[in-house]
Amino acid sequence: MRGLLLLAIAAFAVVVLWPLLRGWRLRLPSPSRERRDELVKDPVCQTYVVLSRAVRREQAGTATYFCSTECADRYGRGEGRE
């Protein structure tokens, strides 16, 4: 009798909780849809910076990323170019 009661409680929990858990799981962002931030290397000071926080400068259609505006200005003046 006790086993039947436990089975009924477990079945009820599955019926009630399964849609809630499934809906919660579907609301989580999937890794494939999420844009992952990458590291880019500053050509002047050779440090790595997160792309979303990098200073971007374009020259002749090519984007170059820097850790700060100071490094971008130095690169623009020709300093630190490899």
C-alpha atoms as a PDB file:
ATOM      1  CA  MET A   1       0.000   0.000   0.000  1.00  0.00           C
ATOM      2  CA  ARG A   2       2.833   2.371   0.861  1.00  0.00           C
ATOM      3  CA  GLY A   3       4.503   1.646  -2.489  1.00  0.00           C
ATOM      4  CA  LEU A   4       1.316   2.467  -4.377  1.00  0.00           C
ATOM      5  CA  LEU A   5       1.054   5.779  -2.535  1.00  0.00           C
ATOM      6  CA  LEU A   6       4.685   6.651  -3.375  1.00  0.00           C
ATOM      7  CA  LEU A   7       4.090   5.721  -7.000  1.00  0.00           C
ATOM      8  CA  ALA A   8       1.024   7.984  -7.138  1.00  0.00           C
ATOM      9  CA  ILE A   9       2.969  10.903  -5.614  1.00  0.00           C
ATOM     10  CA  ALA A  10       5.834  10.387  -8.069  1.00  0.00           C
ATOM     11  CA  ALA A  11       3.434  10.258 -11.035  1.00  0.00           C
ATOM     12  CA  PHE A  12       1.708  13.433  -9.843  1.00  0.00           C
ATOM     13  CA  ALA A  13       5.040  15.197  -9.432  1.00  0.00           C
ATOM     14  CA  VAL A  14       6.097  14.214 -12.939  1.00  0.00           C
ATOM     15  CA  VAL A  15       2.824  15.369 -14.470  1.00  0.00           C
ATOM     16  CA  VAL A  16       2.920  18.707 -12.641  1.00  0.00           C
ATOM     17  CA  LEU A  17       6.645  19.472 -12.637  1.00  0.00           C
ATOM     18  CA  TRP A  18       7.676  18.212 -16.073  1.00  0.00           C
ATOM     19  CA  PRO A  19       6.035  21.056 -18.066  1.00  0.00           C
ATOM     20  CA  LEU A  20       7.491  23.620 -15.658  1.00  0.00           C
ATOM     21  CA  LEU A  21      11.003  22.210 -15.946  1.00  0.00           C
ATOM     22  CA  ARG A  22      10.707  21.871 -19.711  1.00  0.00           C
ATOM     23  CA  GLY A  23       9.556  25.476 -20.075  1.00  0.00           C
ATOM     24  CA  TRP A  24      12.398  26.681 -17.854  1.00  0.00           C
ATOM     25  CA  ARG A  25      14.917  24.758 -19.939  1.00  0.00           C
ATOM     26  CA  LEU A  26      13.556  26.198 -23.191  1.00  0.00           C
ATOM     27  CA  ARG A  27      13.963  29.753 -21.907  1.00  0.00           C
ATOM     28  CA  LEU A  28      17.683  29.337 -21.375  1.00  0.00           C
ATOM     29  CA  PRO A  29      19.783  30.725 -24.239  1.00  0.00           C
ATOM     30  CA  SER A  30      21.391  28.017 -26.269  1.00  0.00           C
ATOM     31  CA  PRO A  31      25.135  28.249 -26.829  1.00  0.00           C
ATOM     32  CA  SER A  32      24.698  28.173 -30.600  1.00  0.00           C
ATOM     33  CA  ARG A  33      22.478  31.274 -30.592  1.00  0.00           C
ATOM     34  CA  GLU A  34      24.565  33.162 -28.072  1.00  0.00           C
ATOM     35  CA  ARG A  35      27.340  35.298 -29.494  1.00  0.00           C
ATOM     36  CA  ARG A  36      30.541  34.391 -27.775  1.00  0.00           C
ATOM     37  CA  ASP A  37      32.986  37.160 -27.108  1.00  0.00           C
ATOM     38  CA  GLU A  38      36.508  36.513 -28.242  1.00  0.00           C
ATOM     39  CA  LEU A  39      39.886  37.947 -27.397  1.00  0.00           C
ATOM     40  CA  VAL A  40      41.766  40.123 -29.860  1.00  0.00           C
ATOM     41  CA  LYS A  41      45.402  41.143 -29.663  1.00  0.00           C
ATOM     42  CA  ASP A  42      46.416  44.782 -29.564  1.00  0.00           C
ATOM     43  CA  PRO A  43      49.181  45.280 -32.174  1.00  0.00           C
ATOM     44  CA  VAL A  44      50.835  48.071 -30.171  1.00  0.00           C
ATOM     45  CA  CYS A  45      51.164  46.788 -26.610  1.00  0.00           C
ATOM     46  CA  GLN A  46      50.603  43.092 -27.438  1.00  0.00           C
ATOM     47  CA  THR A  47      47.874  42.643 -24.802  1.00  0.00           C
ATOM     48  CA  TYR A  48      44.641  40.742 -25.310  1.00  0.00           C
ATOM     49  CA  VAL A  49      41.322  42.487 -24.904  1.00  0.00           C
ATOM     50  CA  VAL A  50      37.721  41.297 -25.093  1.00  0.00           C
ATOM     51  CA  LEU A  51      36.271  42.188 -28.496  1.00  0.00           C
ATOM     52  CA  SER A  52      33.182  43.886 -27.063  1.00  0.00           C
ATOM     53  CA  ARG A  53      35.386  46.266 -25.045  1.00  0.00           C
ATOM     54  CA  ALA A  54      38.075  46.853 -27.664  1.00  0.00           C
ATOM     55  CA  VAL A  55      38.592  50.151 -29.450  1.00  0.00           C
ATOM     56  CA  ARG A  56      38.036  49.562 -33.155  1.00  0.00           C
ATOM     57  CA  ARG A  57      39.716  51.486 -35.938  1.00  0.00           C
ATOM     58  CA  GLU A  58      39.258  50.807 -39.649  1.00  0.00           C
ATOM     59  CA  GLN A  59      41.810  51.535 -42.298  1.00  0.00           C
ATOM     60  CA  ALA A  60      41.407  50.511 -45.942  1.00  0.00           C
ATOM     61  CA  GLY A  61      38.467  48.274 -45.034  1.00  0.00           C
ATOM     62  CA  THR A  62      40.440  46.317 -42.425  1.00  0.00           C
ATOM     63  CA  ALA A  63      39.423  46.522 -38.775  1.00  0.00           C
ATOM     64  CA  THR A  64      42.124  46.667 -36.122  1.00  0.00           C
ATOM     65  CA  TYR A  65      41.335  46.376 -32.417  1.00  0.00           C
ATOM     66  CA  PHE A  66      43.116  48.052 -29.514  1.00  0.00           C
ATOM     67  CA  CYS A  67      42.994  47.933 -25.734  1.00  0.00           C
ATOM     68  CA  SER A  68      42.695  51.722 -25.423  1.00  0.00           C
ATOM     69  CA  THR A  69      42.417  54.918 -27.411  1.00  0.00           C
ATOM     70  CA  GLU A  70      46.039  55.679 -26.532  1.00  0.00           C
ATOM     71  CA  CYS A  71      47.211  52.534 -28.316  1.00  0.00           C
ATOM     72  CA  ALA A  72      44.931  53.288 -31.261  1.00  0.00           C
ATOM     73  CA  ASP A  73      46.409  56.795 -31.530  1.00  0.00           C
ATOM     74  CA  ARG A  74      49.951  55.452 -31.309  1.00  0.00           C
ATOM     75  CA  TYR A  75      49.156  52.971 -34.082  1.00  0.00           C
ATOM     76  CA  GLY A  76      47.698  55.801 -36.186  1.00  0.00           C
ATOM     77  CA  ARG A  77      50.946  57.761 -35.812  1.00  0.00           C
ATOM     78  CA  GLY A  78      52.927  54.734 -36.972  1.00  0.00           C
ATOM     79  CA  GLU A  79      54.295  53.759 -33.570  1.00  0.00           C
ATOM     80  CA  GLY A  80      54.260  50.116 -32.568  1.00  0.00           C
ATOM     81  CA  ARG A  81      53.603  48.676 -36.001  1.00  0.00           C
ATOM     82  CA  GLU A  82      55.262  45.347 -36.625  1.00  0.00           C
END
